[in-house]
Amino acid sequence: MAGPTAGPAPGPVAVLDAEHAGKDPYDAQRRTAEGIPTLLMPVTGYTGLRRHDIDQVHVWLDALPPTPPMRSTTNPPNPIR
């Protein structure tokens, strides 16, 4: 799961893939334990990604508690003087 875990990701992560192998399950479990919900969603290689797969991710996201909005690092707020 090199892509989603390569940088800081404070929000939930859903990984949809035909093959979850190697460190993927362990990385997902670690991230979830650290408070970053992570879903590994298997996608059938025969049919590929389908609308039903996306709908399942939406159901998962809707069931999560709300997360605070992310702070932009490109435009930090001006200090109060």
Protein backbone atom coordinates (compact mmCIF):
# COMPACT_ATOMS: atom_id res chain seq x y z
CA MET A 1 0.00 0.00 0.00
CA ALA A 2 2.80 2.36 -0.90
CA GLY A 3 0.63 5.06 -2.50
CA PRO A 4 -1.86 5.82 0.28
CA THR A 5 0.68 5.50 3.08
CA ALA A 6 3.50 7.39 1.34
CA GLY A 7 2.58 10.76 2.83
CA PRO A 8 0.56 12.09 5.72
CA ALA A 9 -3.08 11.14 5.38
CA PRO A 10 -5.15 12.36 8.32
CA GLY A 11 -8.46 11.24 6.86
CA PRO A 12 -10.00 7.86 6.11
CA VAL A 13 -8.46 5.78 3.33
CA ALA A 14 -10.22 3.20 1.16
CA VAL A 15 -8.04 0.98 -1.01
CA LEU A 16 -9.91 -0.82 -3.79
CA ASP A 17 -7.80 -3.48 -5.47
CA ALA A 18 -8.08 -6.91 -7.02
CA GLU A 19 -5.15 -8.15 -4.91
CA HIS A 20 -4.47 -7.19 -1.31
CA ALA A 21 -1.26 -8.92 -0.42
CA GLY A 22 1.99 -8.41 1.37
CA LYS A 23 1.85 -5.58 3.88
CA ASP A 24 -1.56 -4.19 2.85
CA PRO A 25 -3.57 -5.83 5.66
CA TYR A 26 -0.95 -4.98 8.26
CA ASP A 27 -0.68 -1.36 7.11
CA ALA A 28 -4.47 -1.02 7.18
CA GLN A 29 -4.65 -2.49 10.68
CA ARG A 30 -1.83 -0.20 11.91
CA ARG A 31 -3.41 2.92 10.40
CA THR A 32 -6.80 2.07 11.91
CA ALA A 33 -5.17 1.47 15.31
CA GLU A 34 -3.57 4.92 14.99
CA GLY A 35 -7.01 6.47 14.51
CA ILE A 36 -6.98 6.64 10.69
CA PRO A 37 -9.81 4.42 9.45
CA THR A 38 -8.65 2.27 6.55
CA LEU A 39 -10.79 0.01 4.39
CA LEU A 40 -9.37 -2.70 2.14
CA MET A 41 -12.03 -3.38 -0.47
CA PRO A 42 -11.42 -6.34 -2.76
CA VAL A 43 -12.47 -5.75 -6.36
CA THR A 44 -13.15 -8.72 -8.58
CA GLY A 45 -10.50 -8.84 -11.27
CA TYR A 46 -12.95 -10.46 -13.68
CA THR A 47 -15.53 -7.64 -13.57
CA GLY A 48 -13.30 -4.77 -12.48
CA LEU A 49 -14.42 -1.79 -10.44
CA ARG A 50 -18.21 -1.47 -10.37
CA ARG A 51 -20.65 1.12 -9.07
CA HIS A 52 -21.57 -1.29 -6.27
CA ASP A 53 -17.96 -1.18 -5.04
CA ILE A 54 -18.04 2.61 -4.85
CA ASP A 55 -21.44 2.51 -3.12
CA GLN A 56 -19.96 0.22 -0.44
CA VAL A 57 -17.16 2.71 0.19
CA HIS A 58 -19.75 5.49 0.55
CA VAL A 59 -21.69 3.41 3.10
CA TRP A 60 -18.45 2.83 5.04
CA LEU A 61 -17.56 6.53 4.94
CA ASP A 62 -21.06 7.57 6.03
CA ALA A 63 -20.80 5.24 9.06
CA LEU A 64 -17.57 6.87 10.29
CA PRO A 65 -17.65 9.65 12.87
CA PRO A 66 -17.11 13.13 11.38
CA THR A 67 -13.53 14.27 11.03
CA PRO A 68 -12.39 17.85 11.49
CA PRO A 69 -11.63 19.76 8.29
CA MET A 70 -8.04 19.55 7.09
CA ARG A 71 -5.87 22.62 7.50
CA SER A 72 -4.27 23.86 4.34
CA THR A 73 -0.48 23.83 4.43
CA THR A 74 -0.20 25.82 1.22
CA ASN A 75 -1.95 28.90 2.62
CA PRO A 76 -1.32 28.99 6.37
CA PRO A 77 -3.44 31.48 8.32
CA ASN A 78 -1.95 34.89 9.04
CA PRO A 79 -0.77 35.27 12.64
CA ILE A 80 -2.87 37.51 14.86
CA ARG A 81 -0.96 40.62 15.87
